[in-house]
PDB file of all heavy atoms in Angstrom:
ATOM      1  N   LYS A   1      23.546 -28.810 -65.637  1.00  0.00           N
ATOM      2  CA  LYS A   1      23.575 -28.947 -67.090  1.00  0.00           C
ATOM      3  C   LYS A   1      24.912 -29.548 -67.524  1.00  0.00           C
ATOM      4  O   LYS A   1      25.896 -29.512 -66.786  1.00  0.00           O
ATOM      5  CB  LYS A   1      23.409 -27.576 -67.754  1.00  0.00           C
ATOM      6  CG  LYS A   1      22.007 -27.017 -67.722  1.00  0.00           C
ATOM      7  CD  LYS A   1      21.977 -25.680 -68.461  1.00  0.00           C
ATOM      8  CE  LYS A   1      20.574 -25.093 -68.478  1.00  0.00           C
ATOM      9  NZ  LYS A   1      20.555 -23.777 -69.154  1.00  0.00           N
ATOM     10  N   LYS A   2      24.924 -30.045 -68.719  1.00  0.00           N
ATOM     11  CA  LYS A   2      26.177 -30.562 -69.272  1.00  0.00           C
ATOM     12  C   LYS A   2      27.165 -29.403 -69.435  1.00  0.00           C
ATOM     13  O   LYS A   2      26.808 -28.312 -69.852  1.00  0.00           O
ATOM     14  CB  LYS A   2      25.905 -31.231 -70.630  1.00  0.00           C
ATOM     15  CG  LYS A   2      27.105 -31.985 -71.179  1.00  0.00           C
ATOM     16  CD  LYS A   2      26.742 -32.683 -72.479  1.00  0.00           C
ATOM     17  CE  LYS A   2      27.945 -33.449 -73.016  1.00  0.00           C
ATOM     18  NZ  LYS A   2      27.632 -34.131 -74.303  1.00  0.00           N
ATOM     19  N   ASP A   3      28.414 -29.663 -69.057  1.00  0.00           N
ATOM     20  CA  ASP A   3      29.496 -28.674 -69.145  1.00  0.00           C
ATOM     21  C   ASP A   3      29.203 -27.437 -68.292  1.00  0.00           C
ATOM     22  O   ASP A   3      29.576 -26.317 -68.640  1.00  0.00           O
ATOM     23  CB  ASP A   3      29.729 -28.237 -70.600  1.00  0.00           C
ATOM     24  CG  ASP A   3      30.110 -29.416 -71.492  1.00  0.00           C
ATOM     25  OD1 ASP A   3      30.831 -30.304 -70.996  1.00  0.00           O
ATOM     26  OD2 ASP A   3      29.681 -29.434 -72.654  1.00  0.00           O
ATOM     27  N   ALA A   4      28.523 -27.636 -67.150  1.00  0.00           N
ATOM     28  CA  ALA A   4      28.218 -26.520 -66.250  1.00  0.00           C
ATOM     29  C   ALA A   4      29.492 -26.009 -65.591  1.00  0.00           C
ATOM     30  O   ALA A   4      30.436 -26.764 -65.341  1.00  0.00           O
ATOM     31  CB  ALA A   4      27.215 -26.962 -65.187  1.00  0.00           C
ATOM     32  N   ASP A   5      29.521 -24.728 -65.302  1.00  0.00           N
ATOM     33  CA  ASP A   5      30.643 -24.116 -64.587  1.00  0.00           C
ATOM     34  C   ASP A   5      30.401 -24.321 -63.087  1.00  0.00           C
ATOM     35  O   ASP A   5      29.730 -23.517 -62.431  1.00  0.00           O
ATOM     36  CB  ASP A   5      30.713 -22.627 -64.928  1.00  0.00           C
ATOM     37  CG  ASP A   5      31.963 -21.962 -64.346  1.00  0.00           C
ATOM     38  OD1 ASP A   5      32.557 -22.545 -63.423  1.00  0.00           O
ATOM     39  OD2 ASP A   5      32.330 -20.874 -64.823  1.00  0.00           O
ATOM     40  N   VAL A   6      30.956 -25.419 -62.527  1.00  0.00           N
ATOM     41  CA  VAL A   6      30.689 -25.802 -61.133  1.00  0.00           C
ATOM     42  C   VAL A   6      31.170 -24.733 -60.160  1.00  0.00           C
ATOM     43  O   VAL A   6      30.484 -24.395 -59.188  1.00  0.00           O
ATOM     44  CB  VAL A   6      31.342 -27.165 -60.814  1.00  0.00           C
ATOM     45  CG1 VAL A   6      31.122 -27.520 -59.339  1.00  0.00           C
ATOM     46  CG2 VAL A   6      30.758 -28.252 -61.707  1.00  0.00           C
ATOM     47  N   GLU A   7      32.351 -24.182 -60.412  1.00  0.00           N
ATOM     48  CA  GLU A   7      32.897 -23.167 -59.498  1.00  0.00           C
ATOM     49  C   GLU A   7      31.987 -21.940 -59.451  1.00  0.00           C
ATOM     50  O   GLU A   7      31.763 -21.361 -58.382  1.00  0.00           O
ATOM     51  CB  GLU A   7      34.297 -22.762 -59.947  1.00  0.00           C
ATOM     52  CG  GLU A   7      34.982 -21.823 -58.958  1.00  0.00           C
ATOM     53  CD  GLU A   7      36.420 -21.523 -59.339  1.00  0.00           C
ATOM     54  OE1 GLU A   7      36.953 -22.175 -60.252  1.00  0.00           O
ATOM     55  OE2 GLU A   7      36.999 -20.618 -58.711  1.00  0.00           O
ATOM     56  N   LYS A   8      31.438 -21.554 -60.589  1.00  0.00           N
ATOM     57  CA  LYS A   8      30.525 -20.422 -60.629  1.00  0.00           C
ATOM     58  C   LYS A   8      29.254 -20.723 -59.833  1.00  0.00           C
ATOM     59  O   LYS A   8      28.760 -19.873 -59.082  1.00  0.00           O
ATOM     60  CB  LYS A   8      30.173 -20.082 -62.078  1.00  0.00           C
ATOM     61  CG  LYS A   8      29.209 -18.904 -62.211  1.00  0.00           C
ATOM     62  CD  LYS A   8      28.848 -18.644 -63.671  1.00  0.00           C
ATOM     63  CE  LYS A   8      27.805 -17.537 -63.781  1.00  0.00           C
ATOM     64  NZ  LYS A   8      27.386 -17.322 -65.183  1.00  0.00           N
ATOM     65  N   VAL A   9      28.736 -21.945 -59.981  1.00  0.00           N
ATOM     66  CA  VAL A   9      27.532 -22.346 -59.243  1.00  0.00           C
ATOM     67  C   VAL A   9      27.793 -22.278 -57.740  1.00  0.00           C
ATOM     68  O   VAL A   9      26.982 -21.743 -56.970  1.00  0.00           O
ATOM     69  CB  VAL A   9      27.082 -23.763 -59.649  1.00  0.00           C
ATOM     70  CG1 VAL A   9      25.942 -24.237 -58.745  1.00  0.00           C
ATOM     71  CG2 VAL A   9      26.642 -23.791 -61.105  1.00  0.00           C
ATOM     72  N   ILE A  10      28.946 -22.801 -57.307  1.00  0.00           N
ATOM     73  CA  ILE A  10      29.290 -22.789 -55.877  1.00  0.00           C
ATOM     74  C   ILE A  10      29.398 -21.356 -55.368  1.00  0.00           C
ATOM     75  O   ILE A  10      28.904 -21.022 -54.287  1.00  0.00           O
ATOM     76  CB  ILE A  10      30.599 -23.570 -55.634  1.00  0.00           C
ATOM     77  CG1 ILE A  10      30.376 -25.067 -55.923  1.00  0.00           C
ATOM     78  CG2 ILE A  10      31.099 -23.369 -54.206  1.00  0.00           C
ATOM     79  CD1 ILE A  10      31.636 -25.909 -55.855  1.00  0.00           C
ATOM     80  N   ASN A  11      30.035 -20.489 -56.150  1.00  0.00           N
ATOM     81  CA  ASN A  11      30.169 -19.088 -55.737  1.00  0.00           C
ATOM     82  C   ASN A  11      28.812 -18.405 -55.593  1.00  0.00           C
ATOM     83  O   ASN A  11      28.584 -17.644 -54.652  1.00  0.00           O
ATOM     84  CB  ASN A  11      31.024 -18.322 -56.749  1.00  0.00           C
ATOM     85  CG  ASN A  11      32.508 -18.557 -56.543  1.00  0.00           C
ATOM     86  OD1 ASN A  11      32.937 -18.900 -55.447  1.00  0.00           O
ATOM     87  ND2 ASN A  11      33.293 -18.384 -57.585  1.00  0.00           N
ATOM     88  N   ILE A  12      27.897 -18.693 -56.523  1.00  0.00           N
ATOM     89  CA  ILE A  12      26.557 -18.107 -56.445  1.00  0.00           C
ATOM     90  C   ILE A  12      25.831 -18.609 -55.195  1.00  0.00           C
ATOM     91  O   ILE A  12      25.182 -17.837 -54.484  1.00  0.00           O
ATOM     92  CB  ILE A  12      25.745 -18.429 -57.713  1.00  0.00           C
ATOM     93  CG1 ILE A  12      26.364 -17.730 -58.934  1.00  0.00           C
ATOM     94  CG2 ILE A  12      24.287 -18.002 -57.548  1.00  0.00           C
ATOM     95  CD1 ILE A  12      25.728 -18.116 -60.252  1.00  0.00           C
ATOM     96  N   LEU A  13      25.954 -19.905 -54.917  1.00  0.00           N
ATOM     97  CA  LEU A  13      25.291 -20.471 -53.737  1.00  0.00           C
ATOM     98  C   LEU A  13      25.823 -19.846 -52.455  1.00  0.00           C
ATOM     99  O   LEU A  13      25.052 -19.523 -51.536  1.00  0.00           O
ATOM    100  CB  LEU A  13      25.487 -21.992 -53.698  1.00  0.00           C
ATOM    101  CG  LEU A  13      24.781 -22.794 -54.793  1.00  0.00           C
ATOM    102  CD1 LEU A  13      25.151 -24.264 -54.706  1.00  0.00           C
ATOM    103  CD2 LEU A  13      23.263 -22.640 -54.685  1.00  0.00           C
ATOM    104  N   TYR A  14      27.133 -19.676 -52.364  1.00  0.00           N
ATOM    105  CA  TYR A  14      27.712 -19.055 -51.177  1.00  0.00           C
ATOM    106  C   TYR A  14      27.314 -17.583 -51.058  1.00  0.00           C
ATOM    107  O   TYR A  14      27.096 -17.076 -49.965  1.00  0.00           O
ATOM    108  CB  TYR A  14      29.239 -19.174 -51.207  1.00  0.00           C
ATOM    109  CG  TYR A  14      29.781 -20.536 -50.811  1.00  0.00           C
ATOM    110  CD1 TYR A  14      31.010 -20.972 -51.272  1.00  0.00           C
ATOM    111  CD2 TYR A  14      29.064 -21.379 -49.957  1.00  0.00           C
ATOM    112  CE1 TYR A  14      31.521 -22.220 -50.899  1.00  0.00           C
ATOM    113  CE2 TYR A  14      29.553 -22.618 -49.586  1.00  0.00           C
ATOM    114  CZ  TYR A  14      30.790 -23.041 -50.064  1.00  0.00           C
ATOM    115  OH  TYR A  14      31.277 -24.266 -49.692  1.00  0.00           O
ATOM    116  N   LYS A  15      27.220 -16.910 -52.185  1.00  0.00           N
ATOM    117  CA  LYS A  15      26.969 -15.470 -52.180  1.00  0.00           C
ATOM    118  C   LYS A  15      25.488 -15.140 -51.982  1.00  0.00           C
ATOM    119  O   LYS A  15      25.144 -14.150 -51.335  1.00  0.00           O
ATOM    120  CB  LYS A  15      27.452 -14.864 -53.498  1.00  0.00           C
ATOM    121  CG  LYS A  15      27.773 -13.390 -53.442  1.00  0.00           C
ATOM    122  CD  LYS A  15      29.079 -13.139 -52.711  1.00  0.00           C
ATOM    123  CE  LYS A  15      29.453 -11.669 -52.736  1.00  0.00           C
ATOM    124  NZ  LYS A  15      30.635 -11.401 -51.906  1.00  0.00           N
ATOM    125  N   LYS A  16      24.611 -15.979 -52.501  1.00  0.00           N
ATOM    126  CA  LYS A  16      23.193 -15.623 -52.566  1.00  0.00           C
ATOM    127  C   LYS A  16      22.292 -16.449 -51.640  1.00  0.00           C
ATOM    128  O   LYS A  16      21.087 -16.190 -51.585  1.00  0.00           O
ATOM    129  CB  LYS A  16      22.693 -15.780 -54.011  1.00  0.00           C
ATOM    130  CG  LYS A  16      23.297 -14.771 -54.992  1.00  0.00           C
ATOM    131  CD  LYS A  16      22.799 -13.376 -54.691  1.00  0.00           C
ATOM    132  CE  LYS A  16      23.288 -12.364 -55.703  1.00  0.00           C
ATOM    133  NZ  LYS A  16      22.804 -11.012 -55.410  1.00  0.00           N
ATOM    134  N   THR A  17      22.841 -17.434 -50.952  1.00  0.00           N
ATOM    135  CA  THR A  17      22.006 -18.239 -50.049  1.00  0.00           C
ATOM    136  C   THR A  17      22.692 -18.352 -48.691  1.00  0.00           C
ATOM    137  O   THR A  17      23.813 -17.897 -48.495  1.00  0.00           O
ATOM    138  CB  THR A  17      21.763 -19.658 -50.604  1.00  0.00           C
ATOM    139  OG1 THR A  17      22.975 -20.429 -50.487  1.00  0.00           O
ATOM    140  CG2 THR A  17      21.325 -19.616 -52.058  1.00  0.00           C
ATOM    141  N   LYS A  18      21.991 -19.004 -47.756  1.00  0.00           N
ATOM    142  CA  LYS A  18      22.523 -19.180 -46.409  1.00  0.00           C
ATOM    143  C   LYS A  18      23.572 -20.285 -46.322  1.00  0.00           C
ATOM    144  O   LYS A  18      23.987 -20.643 -45.212  1.00  0.00           O
ATOM    145  CB  LYS A  18      21.370 -19.515 -45.452  1.00  0.00           C
ATOM    146  CG  LYS A  18      20.468 -18.337 -45.148  1.00  0.00           C
ATOM    147  CD  LYS A  18      21.174 -17.295 -44.310  1.00  0.00           C
ATOM    148  CE  LYS A  18      20.240 -16.179 -43.889  1.00  0.00           C
ATOM    149  NZ  LYS A  18      20.926 -15.162 -43.068  1.00  0.00           N
ATOM    150  N   LEU A  19      24.012 -20.816 -47.467  1.00  0.00           N
ATOM    151  CA  LEU A  19      25.107 -21.788 -47.435  1.00  0.00           C
ATOM    152  C   LEU A  19      26.401 -21.125 -46.978  1.00  0.00           C
ATOM    153  O   LEU A  19      27.353 -21.812 -46.612  1.00  0.00           O
ATOM    154  CB  LEU A  19      25.300 -22.428 -48.812  1.00  0.00           C
ATOM    155  CG  LEU A  19      24.392 -23.608 -49.112  1.00  0.00           C
ATOM    156  CD1 LEU A  19      24.610 -24.098 -50.527  1.00  0.00           C
ATOM    157  CD2 LEU A  19      24.614 -24.742 -48.131  1.00  0.00           C
ATOM    158  N   GLU A  20      26.456 -19.824 -47.014  1.00  0.00           N
ATOM    159  CA  GLU A  20      27.522 -19.072 -46.342  1.00  0.00           C
ATOM    160  C   GLU A  20      26.854 -18.098 -45.395  1.00  0.00           C
ATOM    161  O   GLU A  20      26.015 -17.302 -45.793  1.00  0.00           O
ATOM    162  CB  GLU A  20      28.406 -18.336 -47.343  1.00  0.00           C
ATOM    163  CG  GLU A  20      29.518 -17.533 -46.662  1.00  0.00           C
ATOM    164  CD  GLU A  20      30.454 -16.848 -47.644  1.00  0.00           C
ATOM    165  OE1 GLU A  20      31.186 -17.572 -48.347  1.00  0.00           O
ATOM    166  OE2 GLU A  20      30.434 -15.603 -47.705  1.00  0.00           O
ATOM    167  N   ASP A  21      27.221 -18.194 -44.126  1.00  0.00           N
ATOM    168  CA  ASP A  21      26.568 -17.371 -43.113  1.00  0.00           C
ATOM    169  C   ASP A  21      27.585 -17.037 -42.031  1.00  0.00           C
ATOM    170  O   ASP A  21      28.690 -17.579 -42.014  1.00  0.00           O
ATOM    171  CB  ASP A  21      25.370 -18.127 -42.519  1.00  0.00           C
ATOM    172  CG  ASP A  21      24.334 -17.181 -41.929  1.00  0.00           C
ATOM    173  OD1 ASP A  21      24.562 -15.962 -41.944  1.00  0.00           O
ATOM    174  OD2 ASP A  21      23.305 -17.673 -41.436  1.00  0.00           O
ATOM    175  N   THR A  22      27.210 -16.161 -41.131  1.00  0.00           N
ATOM    176  CA  THR A  22      28.105 -15.810 -40.027  1.00  0.00           C
ATOM    177  C   THR A  22      27.487 -16.230 -38.700  1.00  0.00           C
ATOM    178  O   THR A  22      26.262 -16.164 -38.518  1.00  0.00           O
ATOM    179  CB  THR A  22      28.380 -14.298 -39.994  1.00  0.00           C
ATOM    180  OG1 THR A  22      27.135 -13.588 -39.945  1.00  0.00           O
ATOM    181  CG2 THR A  22      29.171 -13.864 -41.202  1.00  0.00           C
ATOM    182  N   PHE A  23      28.351 -16.681 -37.794  1.00  0.00           N
ATOM    183  CA  PHE A  23      27.947 -17.031 -36.427  1.00  0.00           C
ATOM    184  C   PHE A  23      28.558 -15.987 -35.505  1.00  0.00           C
ATOM    185  O   PHE A  23      29.771 -15.879 -35.378  1.00  0.00           O
ATOM    186  CB  PHE A  23      28.450 -18.431 -36.070  1.00  0.00           C
ATOM    187  CG  PHE A  23      28.047 -18.888 -34.687  1.00  0.00           C
ATOM    188  CD1 PHE A  23      26.923 -19.673 -34.512  1.00  0.00           C
ATOM    189  CD2 PHE A  23      28.793 -18.540 -33.574  1.00  0.00           C
ATOM    190  CE1 PHE A  23      26.544 -20.088 -33.240  1.00  0.00           C
ATOM    191  CE2 PHE A  23      28.429 -18.945 -32.303  1.00  0.00           C
ATOM    192  CZ  PHE A  23      27.303 -19.727 -32.133  1.00  0.00           C
ATOM    193  N   GLY A  24      27.699 -15.173 -34.908  1.00  0.00           N
ATOM    194  CA  GLY A  24      28.191 -14.133 -34.007  1.00  0.00           C
ATOM    195  C   GLY A  24      28.605 -14.721 -32.670  1.00  0.00           C
ATOM    196  O   GLY A  24      27.825 -15.408 -32.005  1.00  0.00           O
ATOM    197  N   VAL A  25      29.849 -14.478 -32.269  1.00  0.00           N
ATOM    198  CA  VAL A  25      30.382 -15.011 -31.017  1.00  0.00           C
ATOM    199  C   VAL A  25      30.392 -13.912 -29.962  1.00  0.00           C
ATOM    200  O   VAL A  25      30.871 -12.804 -30.205  1.00  0.00           O
ATOM    201  CB  VAL A  25      31.816 -15.550 -31.205  1.00  0.00           C
ATOM    202  CG1 VAL A  25      32.389 -16.043 -29.879  1.00  0.00           C
ATOM    203  CG2 VAL A  25      31.830 -16.669 -32.236  1.00  0.00           C
ATOM    204  N   ASN A  26      29.827 -14.215 -28.797  1.00  0.00           N
ATOM    205  CA  ASN A  26      29.904 -13.323 -27.632  1.00  0.00           C
ATOM    206  C   ASN A  26      29.969 -14.224 -26.404  1.00  0.00           C
ATOM    207  O   ASN A  26      28.946 -14.716 -25.930  1.00  0.00           O
ATOM    208  CB  ASN A  26      28.697 -12.390 -27.574  1.00  0.00           C
ATOM    209  CG  ASN A  26      28.811 -11.403 -26.427  1.00  0.00           C
ATOM    210  OD1 ASN A  26      29.909 -11.037 -26.021  1.00  0.00           O
ATOM    211  ND2 ASN A  26      27.684 -10.987 -25.885  1.00  0.00           N
ATOM    212  N   MET A  27      31.180 -14.463 -25.922  1.00  0.00           N
ATOM    213  CA  MET A  27      31.384 -15.463 -24.866  1.00  0.00           C
ATOM    214  C   MET A  27      31.117 -14.844 -23.492  1.00  0.00           C
ATOM    215  O   MET A  27      32.016 -14.646 -22.682  1.00  0.00           O
ATOM    216  CB  MET A  27      32.780 -16.061 -24.972  1.00  0.00           C
ATOM    217  CG  MET A  27      32.995 -16.773 -26.293  1.00  0.00           C
ATOM    218  SD  MET A  27      34.343 -17.951 -26.374  1.00  0.00           S
ATOM    219  CE  MET A  27      35.763 -16.897 -26.319  1.00  0.00           C
ATOM    220  N   LEU A  28      29.828 -14.569 -23.261  1.00  0.00           N
ATOM    221  CA  LEU A  28      29.377 -13.971 -22.005  1.00  0.00           C
ATOM    222  C   LEU A  28      28.896 -15.068 -21.066  1.00  0.00           C
ATOM    223  O   LEU A  28      28.150 -15.957 -21.464  1.00  0.00           O
ATOM    224  CB  LEU A  28      28.238 -12.984 -22.288  1.00  0.00           C
ATOM    225  CG  LEU A  28      27.687 -12.239 -21.081  1.00  0.00           C
ATOM    226  CD1 LEU A  28      28.581 -11.056 -20.727  1.00  0.00           C
ATOM    227  CD2 LEU A  28      26.275 -11.745 -21.358  1.00  0.00           C
ATOM    228  N   ALA A  29      29.337 -15.006 -19.804  1.00  0.00           N
ATOM    229  CA  ALA A  29      28.905 -15.995 -18.814  1.00  0.00           C
ATOM    230  C   ALA A  29      28.909 -15.341 -17.434  1.00  0.00           C
ATOM    231  O   ALA A  29      29.474 -14.258 -17.240  1.00  0.00           O
ATOM    232  CB  ALA A  29      29.828 -17.210 -18.838  1.00  0.00           C
ATOM    233  N   ILE A  30      28.270 -16.004 -16.471  1.00  0.00           N
ATOM    234  CA  ILE A  30      28.258 -15.512 -15.096  1.00  0.00           C
ATOM    235  C   ILE A  30      29.524 -16.002 -14.407  1.00  0.00           C
ATOM    236  O   ILE A  30      29.700 -17.202 -14.186  1.00  0.00           O
ATOM    237  CB  ILE A  30      27.014 -16.010 -14.333  1.00  0.00           C
ATOM    238  CG1 ILE A  30      25.734 -15.611 -15.071  1.00  0.00           C
ATOM    239  CG2 ILE A  30      27.020 -15.463 -12.918  1.00  0.00           C
ATOM    240  CD1 ILE A  30      25.527 -14.140 -15.205  1.00  0.00           C
ATOM    241  N   ALA A  31      30.417 -15.075 -14.102  1.00  0.00           N
ATOM    242  CA  ALA A  31      31.673 -15.411 -13.426  1.00  0.00           C
ATOM    243  C   ALA A  31      31.764 -14.593 -12.147  1.00  0.00           C
ATOM    244  O   ALA A  31      31.690 -13.361 -12.194  1.00  0.00           O
ATOM    245  CB  ALA A  31      32.868 -15.111 -14.337  1.00  0.00           C
ATOM    246  N   GLY A  32      31.898 -15.262 -11.023  1.00  0.00           N
ATOM    247  CA  GLY A  32      31.955 -14.544  -9.751  1.00  0.00           C
ATOM    248  C   GLY A  32      30.670 -13.834  -9.417  1.00  0.00           C
ATOM    249  O   GLY A  32      30.678 -12.795  -8.750  1.00  0.00           O
TER     250      GLY A  32
END
């Protein structure tokens, strides 16, 4: 919309959608 609060829109997208997500790291491998 005209005069939209862009920062607020970005915050909502990060908070309420998968545009912000976590990648679980577990560096497991066969060693020896």
